Amino acid sequence: MSSLPDIAADLPTPATEAADEDFVGVSATHLNWLRAGVLGANDGIVSIAATVLGVAAASTDIKPILIAGIAALVAGALSMAVGEYVSVSSQRDAEMVTARLRGLSHHEVELTNPWHAAVASLMAFFVGGVIPMLVVIGPWGGLMRSAATFGAVLVALVLTGWISARFSGAAVRRAVARNVIGGSLAMLVTFGIGSLVGLVV
């Protein structure tokens, strides 16, 4: 009798079967690109939004907002690429050690590619970061600029959260909530700090 729960737990459910079908034909390389792409886009959206909102809270002049946004966009994209390259290179080294312990050569196993991950992260961060950049320089001023940027970013975060959950098999609501709450806190904190700096400087 004690083994029945274990057997039941191992039986496939319609949800898990559907998830398995989604991953049929998806290689480790493709998943690596996808993971790096989703994370990069999410980081780009939040980082650039927080940057431009922080500056917008301190100054109504569009020039410093644009300069700060572009600098953060370039620096963030390069930083993401380097970080992902180092991270995936370490993962690849571990995979090669595991392959050798199993008596396999690196030609017999599919290794993750750090260059793929780096390029995916760089491009995704840039694309994600462009969203708040385009909105913040739109034809509005004052608090409307910040409100429009905040709203556009929330929509983008919902989308990246959904994509992340869709391909990882996680609960959609939880993934979206994490994205929205985390991104909102980042934007609110930087906006608040920018407001204080604008009063002091």
C-alpha atoms as a PDB file:
ATOM      1  CA  MET A   1       0.000   0.000   0.000  1.00  0.00           C
ATOM      2  CA  SER A   2       2.842   2.383   0.789  1.00  0.00           C
ATOM      3  CA  SER A   3       4.089   2.195  -2.794  1.00  0.00           C
ATOM      4  CA  LEU A   4       0.832   3.403  -4.339  1.00  0.00           C
ATOM      5  CA  PRO A   5       1.487   7.148  -3.805  1.00  0.00           C
ATOM      6  CA  ASP A   6       4.925   6.791  -5.369  1.00  0.00           C
ATOM      7  CA  ILE A   7       3.501   5.021  -8.417  1.00  0.00           C
ATOM      8  CA  ALA A   8       0.763   7.598  -8.789  1.00  0.00           C
ATOM      9  CA  ALA A   9       3.241  10.431  -8.505  1.00  0.00           C
ATOM     10  CA  ASP A  10       5.290   8.996 -11.353  1.00  0.00           C
ATOM     11  CA  LEU A  11       2.356   8.633 -13.726  1.00  0.00           C
ATOM     12  CA  PRO A  12       2.279  11.303 -16.467  1.00  0.00           C
ATOM     13  CA  THR A  13      -0.509  13.849 -16.321  1.00  0.00           C
ATOM     14  CA  PRO A  14      -2.036  15.669 -19.309  1.00  0.00           C
ATOM     15  CA  ALA A  15      -0.120  18.797 -18.268  1.00  0.00           C
ATOM     16  CA  THR A  16       3.246  17.034 -18.100  1.00  0.00           C
ATOM     17  CA  GLU A  17       2.584  15.173 -21.340  1.00  0.00           C
ATOM     18  CA  ALA A  18       1.805  18.475 -23.065  1.00  0.00           C
ATOM     19  CA  ALA A  19       4.953  20.022 -21.618  1.00  0.00           C
ATOM     20  CA  ASP A  20       7.009  17.053 -22.818  1.00  0.00           C
ATOM     21  CA  GLU A  21       5.581  17.411 -26.316  1.00  0.00           C
ATOM     22  CA  ASP A  22       6.581  21.087 -26.325  1.00  0.00           C
ATOM     23  CA  PHE A  23      10.194  20.110 -25.687  1.00  0.00           C
ATOM     24  CA  VAL A  24      10.356  17.425 -28.393  1.00  0.00           C
ATOM     25  CA  GLY A  25      12.964  18.444 -30.913  1.00  0.00           C
ATOM     26  CA  VAL A  26      14.295  21.257 -28.741  1.00  0.00           C
ATOM     27  CA  SER A  27      18.031  20.820 -28.248  1.00  0.00           C
ATOM     28  CA  ALA A  28      20.126  21.970 -25.318  1.00  0.00           C
ATOM     29  CA  THR A  29      21.604  24.648 -27.550  1.00  0.00           C
ATOM     30  CA  HIS A  30      18.180  26.045 -28.392  1.00  0.00           C
ATOM     31  CA  LEU A  31      17.165  26.023 -24.729  1.00  0.00           C
ATOM     32  CA  ASN A  32      20.416  27.785 -23.895  1.00  0.00           C
ATOM     33  CA  TRP A  33      19.647  30.508 -26.424  1.00  0.00           C
ATOM     34  CA  LEU A  34      16.117  30.812 -25.092  1.00  0.00           C
ATOM     35  CA  ARG A  35      17.160  31.031 -21.454  1.00  0.00           C
ATOM     36  CA  ALA A  36      19.798  33.655 -22.186  1.00  0.00           C
ATOM     37  CA  GLY A  37      17.397  35.561 -24.423  1.00  0.00           C
ATOM     38  CA  VAL A  38      14.533  35.729 -21.922  1.00  0.00           C
ATOM     39  CA  LEU A  39      16.804  36.660 -19.024  1.00  0.00           C
ATOM     40  CA  GLY A  40      18.624  39.228 -21.127  1.00  0.00           C
ATOM     41  CA  ALA A  41      15.415  40.865 -22.316  1.00  0.00           C
ATOM     42  CA  ASN A  42      14.014  40.975 -18.803  1.00  0.00           C
ATOM     43  CA  ASP A  43      17.189  42.531 -17.416  1.00  0.00           C
ATOM     44  CA  GLY A  44      17.276  45.051 -20.243  1.00  0.00           C
ATOM     45  CA  ILE A  45      13.691  46.111 -19.639  1.00  0.00           C
ATOM     46  CA  VAL A  46      14.106  46.557 -15.883  1.00  0.00           C
ATOM     47  CA  SER A  47      17.614  48.056 -15.896  1.00  0.00           C
ATOM     48  CA  ILE A  48      16.985  50.677 -18.557  1.00  0.00           C
ATOM     49  CA  ALA A  49      13.526  51.524 -17.222  1.00  0.00           C
ATOM     50  CA  ALA A  50      14.906  52.034 -13.730  1.00  0.00           C
ATOM     51  CA  THR A  51      17.747  54.170 -15.080  1.00  0.00           C
ATOM     52  CA  VAL A  52      15.646  56.505 -17.203  1.00  0.00           C
ATOM     53  CA  LEU A  53      12.935  56.807 -14.549  1.00  0.00           C
ATOM     54  CA  GLY A  54      15.515  57.692 -11.932  1.00  0.00           C
ATOM     55  CA  VAL A  55      16.904  60.460 -14.127  1.00  0.00           C
ATOM     56  CA  ALA A  56      13.417  61.582 -15.197  1.00  0.00           C
ATOM     57  CA  ALA A  57      12.480  62.002 -11.540  1.00  0.00           C
ATOM     58  CA  ALA A  58      15.430  64.342 -11.029  1.00  0.00           C
ATOM     59  CA  SER A  59      15.210  66.290 -14.294  1.00  0.00           C
ATOM     60  CA  THR A  60      12.534  67.173 -16.831  1.00  0.00           C
ATOM     61  CA  ASP A  61      15.173  67.775 -19.518  1.00  0.00           C
ATOM     62  CA  ILE A  62      15.109  64.952 -22.066  1.00  0.00           C
ATOM     63  CA  LYS A  63      18.835  65.256 -22.855  1.00  0.00           C
ATOM     64  CA  PRO A  64      20.243  63.788 -19.607  1.00  0.00           C
ATOM     65  CA  ILE A  65      17.545  61.104 -19.677  1.00  0.00           C
ATOM     66  CA  LEU A  66      18.575  60.090 -23.194  1.00  0.00           C
ATOM     67  CA  ILE A  67      22.301  60.134 -22.379  1.00  0.00           C
ATOM     68  CA  ALA A  68      21.856  58.043 -19.241  1.00  0.00           C
ATOM     69  CA  GLY A  69      19.591  55.599 -21.060  1.00  0.00           C
ATOM     70  CA  ILE A  70      21.966  55.063 -23.974  1.00  0.00           C
ATOM     71  CA  ALA A  71      24.971  54.649 -21.671  1.00  0.00           C
ATOM     72  CA  ALA A  72      23.093  52.129 -19.526  1.00  0.00           C
ATOM     73  CA  LEU A  73      21.872  50.286 -22.629  1.00  0.00           C
ATOM     74  CA  VAL A  74      25.364  49.819 -24.069  1.00  0.00           C
ATOM     75  CA  ALA A  75      27.022  49.047 -20.741  1.00  0.00           C
ATOM     76  CA  GLY A  76      24.283  46.653 -19.689  1.00  0.00           C
ATOM     77  CA  ALA A  77      24.265  44.734 -22.978  1.00  0.00           C
ATOM     78  CA  LEU A  78      28.040  44.259 -22.889  1.00  0.00           C
ATOM     79  CA  SER A  79      27.957  43.311 -19.216  1.00  0.00           C
ATOM     80  CA  MET A  80      25.248  40.727 -19.849  1.00  0.00           C
ATOM     81  CA  ALA A  81      27.212  39.245 -22.735  1.00  0.00           C
ATOM     82  CA  VAL A  82      30.425  38.938 -20.723  1.00  0.00           C
ATOM     83  CA  GLY A  83      28.637  37.552 -17.678  1.00  0.00           C
ATOM     84  CA  GLU A  84      26.734  34.968 -19.709  1.00  0.00           C
ATOM     85  CA  TYR A  85      29.885  33.937 -21.567  1.00  0.00           C
ATOM     86  CA  VAL A  86      31.758  33.339 -18.307  1.00  0.00           C
ATOM     87  CA  SER A  87      28.818  31.514 -16.736  1.00  0.00           C
ATOM     88  CA  VAL A  88      28.174  29.200 -19.675  1.00  0.00           C
ATOM     89  CA  SER A  89      31.906  28.589 -20.150  1.00  0.00           C
ATOM     90  CA  SER A  90      32.029  27.272 -16.574  1.00  0.00           C
ATOM     91  CA  GLN A  91      28.990  25.121 -17.300  1.00  0.00           C
ATOM     92  CA  ARG A  92      30.662  23.799 -20.452  1.00  0.00           C
ATOM     93  CA  ASP A  93      33.815  22.914 -18.504  1.00  0.00           C
ATOM     94  CA  ALA A  94      31.702  20.947 -16.024  1.00  0.00           C
ATOM     95  CA  GLU A  95      29.946  19.137 -18.884  1.00  0.00           C
ATOM     96  CA  MET A  96      33.292  18.161 -20.411  1.00  0.00           C
ATOM     97  CA  VAL A  97      34.520  16.789 -17.073  1.00  0.00           C
ATOM     98  CA  THR A  98      31.311  14.771 -16.714  1.00  0.00           C
ATOM     99  CA  ALA A  99      31.696  13.456 -20.264  1.00  0.00           C
ATOM    100  CA  ARG A 100      35.274  12.343 -19.597  1.00  0.00           C
ATOM    101  CA  LEU A 101      34.224  10.573 -16.392  1.00  0.00           C
ATOM    102  CA  ARG A 102      31.662   8.653 -18.456  1.00  0.00           C
ATOM    103  CA  GLY A 103      34.296   7.721 -21.023  1.00  0.00           C
ATOM    104  CA  LEU A 104      32.886  10.003 -23.723  1.00  0.00           C
ATOM    105  CA  SER A 105      34.666  12.482 -25.953  1.00  0.00           C
ATOM    106  CA  HIS A 106      33.401  16.024 -26.413  1.00  0.00           C
ATOM    107  CA  HIS A 107      32.270  15.025 -29.911  1.00  0.00           C
ATOM    108  CA  GLU A 108      29.825  12.502 -28.443  1.00  0.00           C
ATOM    109  CA  VAL A 109      27.906  14.920 -26.263  1.00  0.00           C
ATOM    110  CA  GLU A 110      26.072  18.152 -27.003  1.00  0.00           C
ATOM    111  CA  LEU A 111      27.858  20.883 -25.079  1.00  0.00           C
ATOM    112  CA  THR A 112      26.435  24.294 -24.359  1.00  0.00           C
ATOM    113  CA  ASN A 113      28.000  27.092 -26.385  1.00  0.00           C
ATOM    114  CA  PRO A 114      29.121  30.173 -24.417  1.00  0.00           C
ATOM    115  CA  TRP A 115      29.249  32.303 -27.565  1.00  0.00           C
ATOM    116  CA  HIS A 116      25.631  31.513 -28.372  1.00  0.00           C
ATOM    117  CA  ALA A 117      24.593  32.497 -24.864  1.00  0.00           C
ATOM    118  CA  ALA A 118      26.662  35.687 -24.933  1.00  0.00           C
ATOM    119  CA  VAL A 119      25.246  36.856 -28.259  1.00  0.00           C
ATOM    120  CA  ALA A 120      21.698  35.966 -27.231  1.00  0.00           C
ATOM    121  CA  SER A 121      22.051  37.886 -23.954  1.00  0.00           C
ATOM    122  CA  LEU A 122      23.547  40.947 -25.636  1.00  0.00           C
ATOM    123  CA  MET A 123      20.867  41.141 -28.310  1.00  0.00           C
ATOM    124  CA  ALA A 124      18.021  40.392 -25.899  1.00  0.00           C
ATOM    125  CA  PHE A 125      19.190  42.997 -23.377  1.00  0.00           C
ATOM    126  CA  PHE A 126      19.416  45.579 -26.135  1.00  0.00           C
ATOM    127  CA  VAL A 127      15.974  44.770 -27.526  1.00  0.00           C
ATOM    128  CA  GLY A 128      14.431  44.749 -24.054  1.00  0.00           C
ATOM    129  CA  GLY A 129      16.121  48.000 -23.092  1.00  0.00           C
ATOM    130  CA  VAL A 130      14.925  49.769 -26.228  1.00  0.00           C
ATOM    131  CA  ILE A 131      11.316  49.459 -25.020  1.00  0.00           C
ATOM    132  CA  PRO A 132      11.562  51.912 -22.090  1.00  0.00           C
ATOM    133  CA  MET A 133      13.960  54.083 -24.093  1.00  0.00           C
ATOM    134  CA  LEU A 134      11.441  54.631 -26.884  1.00  0.00           C
ATOM    135  CA  VAL A 135       8.602  55.294 -24.464  1.00  0.00           C
ATOM    136  CA  VAL A 136      10.470  57.701 -22.211  1.00  0.00           C
ATOM    137  CA  ILE A 137      11.400  59.977 -25.143  1.00  0.00           C
ATOM    138  CA  GLY A 138       7.800  60.010 -26.385  1.00  0.00           C
ATOM    139  CA  PRO A 139       5.695  63.172 -26.869  1.00  0.00           C
ATOM    140  CA  TRP A 140       4.821  63.713 -23.209  1.00  0.00           C
ATOM    141  CA  GLY A 141       6.358  65.474 -20.282  1.00  0.00           C
ATOM    142  CA  GLY A 142       6.369  65.600 -16.513  1.00  0.00           C
ATOM    143  CA  LEU A 143       4.763  62.717 -14.673  1.00  0.00           C
ATOM    144  CA  MET A 144       3.097  61.487 -17.866  1.00  0.00           C
ATOM    145  CA  ARG A 145       6.530  60.501 -19.194  1.00  0.00           C
ATOM    146  CA  SER A 146       7.224  58.416 -16.126  1.00  0.00           C
ATOM    147  CA  ALA A 147       3.704  56.948 -16.020  1.00  0.00           C
ATOM    148  CA  ALA A 148       3.823  55.924 -19.683  1.00  0.00           C
ATOM    149  CA  THR A 149       7.223  54.298 -19.226  1.00  0.00           C
ATOM    150  CA  PHE A 150       6.082  52.477 -16.100  1.00  0.00           C
ATOM    151  CA  GLY A 151       2.978  51.152 -17.874  1.00  0.00           C
ATOM    152  CA  ALA A 152       4.853  50.001 -20.973  1.00  0.00           C
ATOM    153  CA  VAL A 153       7.429  48.221 -18.843  1.00  0.00           C
ATOM    154  CA  LEU A 154       4.755  46.371 -16.880  1.00  0.00           C
ATOM    155  CA  VAL A 155       3.262  45.060 -20.125  1.00  0.00           C
ATOM    156  CA  ALA A 156       6.707  43.951 -21.307  1.00  0.00           C
ATOM    157  CA  LEU A 157       7.406  42.225 -17.979  1.00  0.00           C
ATOM    158  CA  VAL A 158       4.142  40.316 -18.193  1.00  0.00           C
ATOM    159  CA  LEU A 159       5.159  39.107 -21.645  1.00  0.00           C
ATOM    160  CA  THR A 160       8.668  37.974 -20.624  1.00  0.00           C
ATOM    161  CA  GLY A 161       7.240  36.304 -17.526  1.00  0.00           C
ATOM    162  CA  TRP A 162       4.756  34.393 -19.648  1.00  0.00           C
ATOM    163  CA  ILE A 163       7.446  33.307 -22.123  1.00  0.00           C
ATOM    164  CA  SER A 164       9.728  32.190 -19.299  1.00  0.00           C
ATOM    165  CA  ALA A 165       6.977  30.111 -17.686  1.00  0.00           C
ATOM    166  CA  ARG A 166       5.847  28.706 -21.024  1.00  0.00           C
ATOM    167  CA  PHE A 167       9.215  27.199 -21.845  1.00  0.00           C
ATOM    168  CA  SER A 168      10.352  26.263 -18.329  1.00  0.00           C
ATOM    169  CA  GLY A 169       7.134  24.529 -17.319  1.00  0.00           C
ATOM    170  CA  ALA A 170       6.669  26.825 -14.303  1.00  0.00           C
ATOM    171  CA  ALA A 171       3.382  28.308 -13.141  1.00  0.00           C
ATOM    172  CA  VAL A 172       2.533  31.284 -15.357  1.00  0.00           C
ATOM    173  CA  ARG A 173       0.991  33.413 -12.614  1.00  0.00           C
ATOM    174  CA  ARG A 174       3.973  32.963 -10.344  1.00  0.00           C
ATOM    175  CA  ALA A 175       6.486  33.784 -13.071  1.00  0.00           C
ATOM    176  CA  VAL A 176       4.554  36.863 -14.182  1.00  0.00           C
ATOM    177  CA  ALA A 177       4.073  38.026 -10.585  1.00  0.00           C
ATOM    178  CA  ARG A 178       7.809  37.737  -9.895  1.00  0.00           C
ATOM    179  CA  ASN A 179       8.600  39.804 -12.959  1.00  0.00           C
ATOM    180  CA  VAL A 180       6.003  42.490 -12.297  1.00  0.00           C
ATOM    181  CA  ILE A 181       6.689  42.848  -8.569  1.00  0.00           C
ATOM    182  CA  GLY A 182      10.469  42.849  -8.959  1.00  0.00           C
ATOM    183  CA  GLY A 183      10.432  45.273 -11.870  1.00  0.00           C
ATOM    184  CA  SER A 184       7.959  47.587 -10.149  1.00  0.00           C
ATOM    185  CA  LEU A 185      10.073  47.738  -6.998  1.00  0.00           C
ATOM    186  CA  ALA A 186      13.198  48.515  -9.027  1.00  0.00           C
ATOM    187  CA  MET A 187      11.460  51.354 -10.871  1.00  0.00           C
ATOM    188  CA  LEU A 188       9.816  52.790  -7.750  1.00  0.00           C
ATOM    189  CA  VAL A 189      13.037  52.748  -5.737  1.00  0.00           C
ATOM    190  CA  THR A 190      15.109  54.436  -8.449  1.00  0.00           C
ATOM    191  CA  PHE A 191      12.342  56.943  -9.123  1.00  0.00           C
ATOM    192  CA  GLY A 192      12.236  57.795  -5.421  1.00  0.00           C
ATOM    193  CA  ILE A 193      16.006  58.166  -5.200  1.00  0.00           C
ATOM    194  CA  GLY A 194      16.008  60.302  -8.347  1.00  0.00           C
ATOM    195  CA  SER A 195      13.356  62.557  -6.834  1.00  0.00           C
ATOM    196  CA  LEU A 196      15.459  63.026  -3.674  1.00  0.00           C
ATOM    197  CA  VAL A 197      18.586  63.754  -5.705  1.00  0.00           C
ATOM    198  CA  GLY A 198      16.666  66.261  -7.793  1.00  0.00           C
ATOM    199  CA  LEU A 199      15.662  68.129  -4.642  1.00  0.00           C
ATOM    200  CA  VAL A 200      19.185  68.193  -3.236  1.00  0.00           C
ATOM    201  CA  VAL A 201      21.235  68.977  -6.367  1.00  0.00           C
END
